[in-house]
């Protein structure tokens, strides 16, 4: 287990979770702390992950996306537009 220490100028807590049924990756504050854990889906294919805090928090926004098949072609990968590096 790891701990995310908030900085004095942190006004919100951001996290991105990626769950594929076998592994859960959670990125806090843009990757300042990253947790990778085992994920187990129930027999119906529904998974769950829990994030806890030591004080009260309020969820302001959440978005969930369904992923399609991960298999793709080399041509599709090469044709994908690239983001500018920050």
PDB file of N, CA and C in Angstrom:
ATOM      1  N   UNK A   1       0.848  -1.169   0.000  1.00  0.00           N
ATOM      2  CA  UNK A   1       0.000   0.000   0.000  1.00  0.00           C
ATOM      3  C   UNK A   1       0.893   1.231   0.000  1.00  0.00           C
ATOM      4  N   UNK A   2       0.416   2.278  -0.651  1.00  0.00           N
ATOM      5  CA  UNK A   2       1.157   3.525  -0.735  1.00  0.00           C
ATOM      6  C   UNK A   2       0.255   4.643  -0.231  1.00  0.00           C
ATOM      7  N   UNK A   3       0.850   5.780   0.059  1.00  0.00           N
ATOM      8  CA  UNK A   3       0.103   6.926   0.574  1.00  0.00           C
ATOM      9  C   UNK A   3       0.359   8.120  -0.322  1.00  0.00           C
ATOM     10  N   UNK A   4      -0.687   8.826  -0.677  1.00  0.00           N
ATOM     11  CA  UNK A   4      -0.575  10.056  -1.455  1.00  0.00           C
ATOM     12  C   UNK A   4      -0.623  11.224  -0.495  1.00  0.00           C
ATOM     13  N   UNK A   5       0.453  11.953  -0.426  1.00  0.00           N
ATOM     14  CA  UNK A   5       0.490  13.166   0.397  1.00  0.00           C
ATOM     15  C   UNK A   5       0.071  14.335  -0.489  1.00  0.00           C
ATOM     16  N   UNK A   6      -0.989  15.024  -0.096  1.00  0.00           N
ATOM     17  CA  UNK A   6      -1.432  16.165  -0.874  1.00  0.00           C
ATOM     18  C   UNK A   6      -0.531  17.362  -0.592  1.00  0.00           C
ATOM     19  N   UNK A   7      -0.297  18.137  -1.621  1.00  0.00           N
ATOM     20  CA  UNK A   7       0.516  19.342  -1.497  1.00  0.00           C
ATOM     21  C   UNK A   7      -0.363  20.505  -1.061  1.00  0.00           C
ATOM     22  N   UNK A   8       0.220  21.545  -0.484  1.00  0.00           N
ATOM     23  CA  UNK A   8      -0.589  22.688  -0.014  1.00  0.00           C
ATOM     24  C   UNK A   8      -1.444  23.310  -1.117  1.00  0.00           C
ATOM     25  N   UNK A   9      -0.997  23.263  -2.373  1.00  0.00           N
ATOM     26  CA  UNK A   9      -1.776  23.873  -3.455  1.00  0.00           C
ATOM     27  C   UNK A   9      -2.730  22.893  -4.140  1.00  0.00           C
ATOM     28  N   UNK A  10      -2.801  21.644  -3.695  1.00  0.00           N
ATOM     29  CA  UNK A  10      -3.778  20.693  -4.232  1.00  0.00           C
ATOM     30  C   UNK A  10      -5.165  21.059  -3.724  1.00  0.00           C
ATOM     31  N   UNK A  11      -6.051  21.405  -4.624  1.00  0.00           N
ATOM     32  CA  UNK A  11      -7.421  21.765  -4.256  1.00  0.00           C
ATOM     33  C   UNK A  11      -8.398  20.632  -4.553  1.00  0.00           C
ATOM     34  N   UNK A  12      -8.030  19.737  -5.447  1.00  0.00           N
ATOM     35  CA  UNK A  12      -8.868  18.588  -5.784  1.00  0.00           C
ATOM     36  C   UNK A  12      -7.990  17.350  -5.841  1.00  0.00           C
ATOM     37  N   UNK A  13      -8.628  16.211  -5.674  1.00  0.00           N
ATOM     38  CA  UNK A  13      -7.954  14.927  -5.806  1.00  0.00           C
ATOM     39  C   UNK A  13      -8.404  14.318  -7.115  1.00  0.00           C
ATOM     40  N   UNK A  14      -7.458  14.019  -7.985  1.00  0.00           N
ATOM     41  CA  UNK A  14      -7.804  13.401  -9.258  1.00  0.00           C
ATOM     42  C   UNK A  14      -7.235  11.987  -9.299  1.00  0.00           C
ATOM     43  N   UNK A  15      -8.009  11.095  -9.889  1.00  0.00           N
ATOM     44  CA  UNK A  15      -7.507   9.746 -10.090  1.00  0.00           C
ATOM     45  C   UNK A  15      -8.113   9.176 -11.359  1.00  0.00           C
ATOM     46  N   UNK A  16      -7.334   8.324 -11.987  1.00  0.00           N
ATOM     47  CA  UNK A  16      -7.782   7.597 -13.172  1.00  0.00           C
ATOM     48  C   UNK A  16      -7.570   6.133 -12.880  1.00  0.00           C
ATOM     49  N   UNK A  17      -8.620   5.343 -13.054  1.00  0.00           N
ATOM     50  CA  UNK A  17      -8.539   3.910 -12.798  1.00  0.00           C
ATOM     51  C   UNK A  17      -8.763   3.158 -14.094  1.00  0.00           C
ATOM     52  N   UNK A  18      -7.930   2.179 -14.315  1.00  0.00           N
ATOM     53  CA  UNK A  18      -8.045   1.305 -15.471  1.00  0.00           C
ATOM     54  C   UNK A  18      -8.204  -0.121 -14.948  1.00  0.00           C
ATOM     55  N   UNK A  19      -9.289  -0.755 -15.326  1.00  0.00           N
ATOM     56  CA  UNK A  19      -9.613  -2.075 -14.812  1.00  0.00           C
ATOM     57  C   UNK A  19      -9.879  -2.994 -15.988  1.00  0.00           C
ATOM     58  N   UNK A  20      -9.130  -4.095 -16.100  1.00  0.00           N
ATOM     59  CA  UNK A  20      -9.350  -5.012 -17.226  1.00  0.00           C
ATOM     60  C   UNK A  20      -9.816  -6.390 -16.780  1.00  0.00           C
ATOM     61  N   UNK A  21     -10.255  -6.519 -15.541  1.00  0.00           N
ATOM     62  CA  UNK A  21     -10.730  -7.794 -15.052  1.00  0.00           C
ATOM     63  C   UNK A  21      -9.656  -8.624 -14.380  1.00  0.00           C
ATOM     64  N   UNK A  22      -8.407  -8.264 -14.601  1.00  0.00           N
ATOM     65  CA  UNK A  22      -7.297  -8.975 -13.975  1.00  0.00           C
ATOM     66  C   UNK A  22      -6.407  -8.037 -13.171  1.00  0.00           C
ATOM     67  N   UNK A  23      -6.305  -6.802 -13.615  1.00  0.00           N
ATOM     68  CA  UNK A  23      -5.428  -5.827 -12.972  1.00  0.00           C
ATOM     69  C   UNK A  23      -6.165  -4.490 -12.878  1.00  0.00           C
ATOM     70  N   UNK A  24      -5.981  -3.802 -11.738  1.00  0.00           N
ATOM     71  CA  UNK A  24      -6.497  -2.443 -11.576  1.00  0.00           C
ATOM     72  C   UNK A  24      -5.295  -1.520 -11.422  1.00  0.00           C
ATOM     73  N   UNK A  25      -5.200  -0.525 -12.293  1.00  0.00           N
ATOM     74  CA  UNK A  25      -4.151   0.494 -12.188  1.00  0.00           C
ATOM     75  C   UNK A  25      -4.838   1.809 -11.830  1.00  0.00           C
ATOM     76  N   UNK A  26      -4.350   2.463 -10.794  1.00  0.00           N
ATOM     77  CA  UNK A  26      -4.930   3.729 -10.354  1.00  0.00           C
ATOM     78  C   UNK A  26      -3.832   4.777 -10.313  1.00  0.00           C
ATOM     79  N   UNK A  27      -4.065   5.880 -11.006  1.00  0.00           N
ATOM     80  CA  UNK A  27      -3.102   6.984 -11.084  1.00  0.00           C
ATOM     81  C   UNK A  27      -3.684   8.169 -10.326  1.00  0.00           C
ATOM     82  N   UNK A  28      -3.021   8.576  -9.252  1.00  0.00           N
ATOM     83  CA  UNK A  28      -3.461   9.696  -8.437  1.00  0.00           C
ATOM     84  C   UNK A  28      -2.678  10.944  -8.822  1.00  0.00           C
ATOM     85  N   UNK A  29      -3.390  12.073  -8.884  1.00  0.00           N
ATOM     86  CA  UNK A  29      -2.774  13.381  -9.152  1.00  0.00           C
ATOM     87  C   UNK A  29      -1.879  13.328 -10.391  1.00  0.00           C
ATOM     88  N   UNK A  30      -2.384  12.759 -11.473  1.00  0.00           N
ATOM     89  CA  UNK A  30      -1.634  12.734 -12.724  1.00  0.00           C
ATOM     90  C   UNK A  30      -0.446  11.798 -12.713  1.00  0.00           C
ATOM     91  N   UNK A  31      -0.413  10.863 -11.793  1.00  0.00           N
ATOM     92  CA  UNK A  31       0.674   9.887 -11.746  1.00  0.00           C
ATOM     93  C   UNK A  31       1.667  10.113 -10.624  1.00  0.00           C
ATOM     94  N   UNK A  32       1.384  11.055  -9.730  1.00  0.00           N
ATOM     95  CA  UNK A  32       2.285  11.281  -8.596  1.00  0.00           C
ATOM     96  C   UNK A  32       2.429  10.007  -7.765  1.00  0.00           C
ATOM     97  N   UNK A  33       1.330   9.293  -7.601  1.00  0.00           N
ATOM     98  CA  UNK A  33       1.345   7.971  -6.969  1.00  0.00           C
ATOM     99  C   UNK A  33       0.558   7.039  -7.878  1.00  0.00           C
ATOM    100  N   UNK A  34       1.105   5.861  -8.123  1.00  0.00           N
ATOM    101  CA  UNK A  34       0.447   4.862  -8.958  1.00  0.00           C
ATOM    102  C   UNK A  34       0.335   3.572  -8.172  1.00  0.00           C
ATOM    103  N   UNK A  35      -0.867   3.013  -8.141  1.00  0.00           N
ATOM    104  CA  UNK A  35      -1.098   1.739  -7.470  1.00  0.00           C
ATOM    105  C   UNK A  35      -1.540   0.717  -8.512  1.00  0.00           C
ATOM    106  N   UNK A  36      -0.971  -0.453  -8.462  1.00  0.00           N
ATOM    107  CA  UNK A  36      -1.375  -1.561  -9.322  1.00  0.00           C
ATOM    108  C   UNK A  36      -1.745  -2.723  -8.413  1.00  0.00           C
ATOM    109  N   UNK A  37      -2.963  -3.228  -8.584  1.00  0.00           N
ATOM    110  CA  UNK A  37      -3.447  -4.314  -7.740  1.00  0.00           C
ATOM    111  C   UNK A  37      -4.135  -5.360  -8.594  1.00  0.00           C
ATOM    112  N   UNK A  38      -4.304  -6.555  -8.019  1.00  0.00           N
ATOM    113  CA  UNK A  38      -5.063  -7.609  -8.685  1.00  0.00           C
ATOM    114  C   UNK A  38      -6.525  -7.212  -8.713  1.00  0.00           C
ATOM    115  N   UNK A  39      -7.168  -7.504  -9.819  1.00  0.00           N
ATOM    116  CA  UNK A  39      -8.601  -7.281  -9.929  1.00  0.00           C
ATOM    117  C   UNK A  39      -9.268  -8.590 -10.293  1.00  0.00           C
ATOM    118  N   UNK A  40     -10.378  -8.868  -9.653  1.00  0.00           N
ATOM    119  CA  UNK A  40     -11.090 -10.106  -9.925  1.00  0.00           C
ATOM    120  C   UNK A  40     -12.528  -9.756 -10.273  1.00  0.00           C
ATOM    121  N   UNK A  41     -12.954 -10.177 -11.449  1.00  0.00           N
ATOM    122  CA  UNK A  41     -14.332  -9.942 -11.863  1.00  0.00           C
ATOM    123  C   UNK A  41     -15.229 -11.043 -11.302  1.00  0.00           C
ATOM    124  N   UNK A  42     -16.477 -10.683 -11.024  1.00  0.00           N
ATOM    125  CA  UNK A  42     -17.413 -11.714 -10.578  1.00  0.00           C
ATOM    126  C   UNK A  42     -17.799 -12.573 -11.779  1.00  0.00           C
ATOM    127  N   UNK A  43     -18.488 -13.687 -11.558  1.00  0.00           N
ATOM    128  CA  UNK A  43     -18.838 -14.571 -12.675  1.00  0.00           C
ATOM    129  C   UNK A  43     -19.630 -13.895 -13.779  1.00  0.00           C
ATOM    130  N   UNK A  44     -20.337 -12.828 -13.459  1.00  0.00           N
ATOM    131  CA  UNK A  44     -21.097 -12.105 -14.477  1.00  0.00           C
ATOM    132  C   UNK A  44     -20.259 -11.122 -15.268  1.00  0.00           C
ATOM    133  N   UNK A  45     -18.968 -11.004 -14.946  1.00  0.00           N
ATOM    134  CA  UNK A  45     -18.079 -10.119 -15.675  1.00  0.00           C
ATOM    135  C   UNK A  45     -18.034  -8.699 -15.150  1.00  0.00           C
ATOM    136  N   UNK A  46     -18.663  -8.453 -14.007  1.00  0.00           N
ATOM    137  CA  UNK A  46     -18.672  -7.111 -13.432  1.00  0.00           C
ATOM    138  C   UNK A  46     -17.571  -7.022 -12.400  1.00  0.00           C
ATOM    139  N   UNK A  47     -16.750  -5.981 -12.483  1.00  0.00           N
ATOM    140  CA  UNK A  47     -15.665  -5.803 -11.527  1.00  0.00           C
ATOM    141  C   UNK A  47     -15.915  -4.613 -10.630  1.00  0.00           C
ATOM    142  N   UNK A  48     -15.157  -4.550  -9.563  1.00  0.00           N
ATOM    143  CA  UNK A  48     -15.287  -3.432  -8.638  1.00  0.00           C
ATOM    144  C   UNK A  48     -13.931  -3.122  -8.041  1.00  0.00           C
ATOM    145  N   UNK A  49     -13.721  -1.870  -7.739  1.00  0.00           N
ATOM    146  CA  UNK A  49     -12.508  -1.428  -7.056  1.00  0.00           C
ATOM    147  C   UNK A  49     -12.926  -0.410  -6.016  1.00  0.00           C
ATOM    148  N   UNK A  50     -12.219  -0.367  -4.901  1.00  0.00           N
ATOM    149  CA  UNK A  50     -12.543   0.547  -3.814  1.00  0.00           C
ATOM    150  C   UNK A  50     -11.361   1.452  -3.534  1.00  0.00           C
ATOM    151  N   UNK A  51     -11.631   2.732  -3.384  1.00  0.00           N
ATOM    152  CA  UNK A  51     -10.624   3.716  -2.996  1.00  0.00           C
ATOM    153  C   UNK A  51     -11.129   4.348  -1.717  1.00  0.00           C
ATOM    154  N   UNK A  52     -10.280   4.440  -0.705  1.00  0.00           N
ATOM    155  CA  UNK A  52     -10.714   5.024   0.556  1.00  0.00           C
ATOM    156  C   UNK A  52      -9.883   6.252   0.885  1.00  0.00           C
ATOM    157  N   UNK A  53     -10.431   7.085   1.761  1.00  0.00           N
ATOM    158  CA  UNK A  53      -9.746   8.304   2.190  1.00  0.00           C
ATOM    159  C   UNK A  53      -9.836   8.398   3.705  1.00  0.00           C
ATOM    160  N   UNK A  54      -8.878   9.102   4.294  1.00  0.00           N
ATOM    161  CA  UNK A  54      -8.873   9.249   5.748  1.00  0.00           C
ATOM    162  C   UNK A  54      -9.747  10.404   6.218  1.00  0.00           C
ATOM    163  N   UNK A  55     -10.345  11.139   5.293  1.00  0.00           N
ATOM    164  CA  UNK A  55     -11.282  12.197   5.659  1.00  0.00           C
ATOM    165  C   UNK A  55     -12.412  12.202   4.643  1.00  0.00           C
ATOM    166  N   UNK A  56     -13.415  13.033   4.875  1.00  0.00           N
ATOM    167  CA  UNK A  56     -14.582  13.069   3.994  1.00  0.00           C
ATOM    168  C   UNK A  56     -14.202  13.609   2.626  1.00  0.00           C
ATOM    169  N   UNK A  57     -14.753  12.976   1.602  1.00  0.00           N
ATOM    170  CA  UNK A  57     -14.560  13.438   0.225  1.00  0.00           C
ATOM    171  C   UNK A  57     -15.909  13.414  -0.473  1.00  0.00           C
ATOM    172  N   UNK A  58     -16.019  14.207  -1.535  1.00  0.00           N
ATOM    173  CA  UNK A  58     -17.232  14.230  -2.329  1.00  0.00           C
ATOM    174  C   UNK A  58     -16.856  13.979  -3.774  1.00  0.00           C
ATOM    175  N   UNK A  59     -17.503  13.033  -4.407  1.00  0.00           N
ATOM    176  CA  UNK A  59     -17.266  12.755  -5.818  1.00  0.00           C
ATOM    177  C   UNK A  59     -17.911  13.851  -6.645  1.00  0.00           C
ATOM    178  N   UNK A  60     -17.098  14.564  -7.419  1.00  0.00           N
ATOM    179  CA  UNK A  60     -17.604  15.669  -8.216  1.00  0.00           C
ATOM    180  C   UNK A  60     -17.949  15.221  -9.626  1.00  0.00           C
ATOM    181  N   UNK A  61     -17.229  14.235 -10.156  1.00  0.00           N
ATOM    182  CA  UNK A  61     -17.460  13.805 -11.527  1.00  0.00           C
ATOM    183  C   UNK A  61     -16.868  12.420 -11.716  1.00  0.00           C
ATOM    184  N   UNK A  62     -17.547  11.587 -12.475  1.00  0.00           N
ATOM    185  CA  UNK A  62     -17.035  10.263 -12.796  1.00  0.00           C
ATOM    186  C   UNK A  62     -17.528   9.870 -14.179  1.00  0.00           C
ATOM    187  N   UNK A  63     -16.681   9.233 -14.922  1.00  0.00           N
ATOM    188  CA  UNK A  63     -17.028   8.740 -16.246  1.00  0.00           C
ATOM    189  C   UNK A  63     -16.537   7.312 -16.361  1.00  0.00           C
ATOM    190  N   UNK A  64     -17.365   6.455 -16.895  1.00  0.00           N
ATOM    191  CA  UNK A  64     -17.003   5.057 -17.080  1.00  0.00           C
ATOM    192  C   UNK A  64     -17.113   4.722 -18.557  1.00  0.00           C
ATOM    193  N   UNK A  65     -16.113   4.056 -19.090  1.00  0.00           N
ATOM    194  CA  UNK A  65     -16.102   3.679 -20.493  1.00  0.00           C
ATOM    195  C   UNK A  65     -16.006   2.165 -20.613  1.00  0.00           C
ATOM    196  N   UNK A  66     -16.697   1.612 -21.578  1.00  0.00           N
ATOM    197  CA  UNK A  66     -16.571   0.203 -21.891  1.00  0.00           C
ATOM    198  C   UNK A  66     -15.478   0.050 -22.933  1.00  0.00           C
ATOM    199  N   UNK A  67     -14.616  -0.901 -22.707  1.00  0.00           N
ATOM    200  CA  UNK A  67     -13.532  -1.140 -23.647  1.00  0.00           C
ATOM    201  C   UNK A  67     -13.935  -2.211 -24.642  1.00  0.00           C
ATOM    202  N   UNK A  68     -13.483  -2.045 -25.870  1.00  0.00           N
ATOM    203  CA  UNK A  68     -13.728  -3.066 -26.877  1.00  0.00           C
ATOM    204  C   UNK A  68     -12.504  -3.980 -26.964  1.00  0.00           C
ATOM    205  N   UNK A  69     -12.508  -4.852 -27.916  1.00  0.00           N
ATOM    206  CA  UNK A  69     -11.421  -5.799 -28.100  1.00  0.00           C
ATOM    207  C   UNK A  69     -10.083  -5.066 -28.219  1.00  0.00           C
ATOM    208  N   UNK A  70      -9.065  -5.555 -27.507  1.00  0.00           N
ATOM    209  CA  UNK A  70      -7.759  -4.887 -27.524  1.00  0.00           C
ATOM    210  C   UNK A  70      -6.955  -5.196 -28.773  1.00  0.00           C
ATOM    211  N   UNK A  71      -7.346  -6.183 -29.530  1.00  0.00           N
ATOM    212  CA  UNK A  71      -6.582  -6.564 -30.715  1.00  0.00           C
ATOM    213  C   UNK A  71      -6.796  -5.552 -31.828  1.00  0.00           C
ATOM    214  N   UNK A  72      -5.720  -5.180 -32.481  1.00  0.00           N
ATOM    215  CA  UNK A  72      -5.767  -4.194 -33.550  1.00  0.00           C
ATOM    216  C   UNK A  72      -4.701  -4.547 -34.581  1.00  0.00           C
ATOM    217  N   UNK A  73      -4.624  -3.764 -35.624  1.00  0.00           N
ATOM    218  CA  UNK A  73      -3.625  -4.014 -36.662  1.00  0.00           C
ATOM    219  C   UNK A  73      -2.498  -3.002 -36.545  1.00  0.00           C
ATOM    220  N   UNK A  74      -1.378  -3.323 -37.110  1.00  0.00           N
ATOM    221  CA  UNK A  74      -0.238  -2.395 -37.140  1.00  0.00           C
ATOM    222  C   UNK A  74      -0.644  -1.124 -37.880  1.00  0.00           C
ATOM    223  N   UNK A  75      -1.401  -1.265 -38.944  1.00  0.00           N
ATOM    224  CA  UNK A  75      -1.832  -0.105 -39.730  1.00  0.00           C
ATOM    225  C   UNK A  75      -2.692   0.848 -38.897  1.00  0.00           C
ATOM    226  N   UNK A  76      -3.601   0.293 -38.078  1.00  0.00           N
ATOM    227  CA  UNK A  76      -4.431   1.148 -37.220  1.00  0.00           C
ATOM    228  C   UNK A  76      -3.588   1.889 -36.188  1.00  0.00           C
ATOM    229  N   UNK A  77      -2.612   1.217 -35.608  1.00  0.00           N
ATOM    230  CA  UNK A  77      -1.739   1.861 -34.624  1.00  0.00           C
ATOM    231  C   UNK A  77      -0.957   2.995 -35.267  1.00  0.00           C
ATOM    232  N   UNK A  78      -0.376   2.745 -36.428  1.00  0.00           N
ATOM    233  CA  UNK A  78       0.419   3.774 -37.105  1.00  0.00           C
ATOM    234  C   UNK A  78      -0.433   4.944 -37.580  1.00  0.00           C
ATOM    235  N   UNK A  79      -1.719   4.722 -37.851  1.00  0.00           N
ATOM    236  CA  UNK A  79      -2.612   5.789 -38.337  1.00  0.00           C
ATOM    237  C   UNK A  79      -3.208   6.602 -37.188  1.00  0.00           C
ATOM    238  N   UNK A  80      -3.006   6.203 -35.951  1.00  0.00           N
ATOM    239  CA  UNK A  80      -3.583   6.893 -34.812  1.00  0.00           C
ATOM    240  C   UNK A  80      -2.913   8.245 -34.607  1.00  0.00           C
ATOM    241  N   UNK A  81      -3.713   9.343 -34.509  1.00  0.00           N
ATOM    242  CA  UNK A  81      -3.118  10.660 -34.245  1.00  0.00           C
ATOM    243  C   UNK A  81      -2.383  10.657 -32.901  1.00  0.00           C
ATOM    244  N   UNK A  82      -1.293  11.360 -32.822  1.00  0.00           N
ATOM    245  CA  UNK A  82      -0.486  11.433 -31.603  1.00  0.00           C
ATOM    246  C   UNK A  82      -0.732  12.743 -30.889  1.00  0.00           C
ATOM    247  N   UNK A  83      -0.684  12.677 -29.532  1.00  0.00           N
ATOM    248  CA  UNK A  83      -0.771  13.890 -28.727  1.00  0.00           C
ATOM    249  C   UNK A  83       0.587  14.549 -28.676  1.00  0.00           C
ATOM    250  N   UNK A  84       0.576  15.856 -28.495  1.00  0.00           N
ATOM    251  CA  UNK A  84       1.828  16.569 -28.255  1.00  0.00           C
ATOM    252  C   UNK A  84       2.311  16.227 -26.860  1.00  0.00           C
ATOM    253  N   UNK A  85       3.612  16.049 -26.699  1.00  0.00           N
ATOM    254  CA  UNK A  85       4.172  15.790 -25.371  1.00  0.00           C
ATOM    255  C   UNK A  85       4.165  17.082 -24.575  1.00  0.00           C
ATOM    256  N   UNK A  86       3.831  16.963 -23.307  1.00  0.00           N
ATOM    257  CA  UNK A  86       3.803  18.155 -22.435  1.00  0.00           C
ATOM    258  C   UNK A  86       5.190  18.522 -22.002  1.00  0.00           C
TER     259      UNK A  86
END
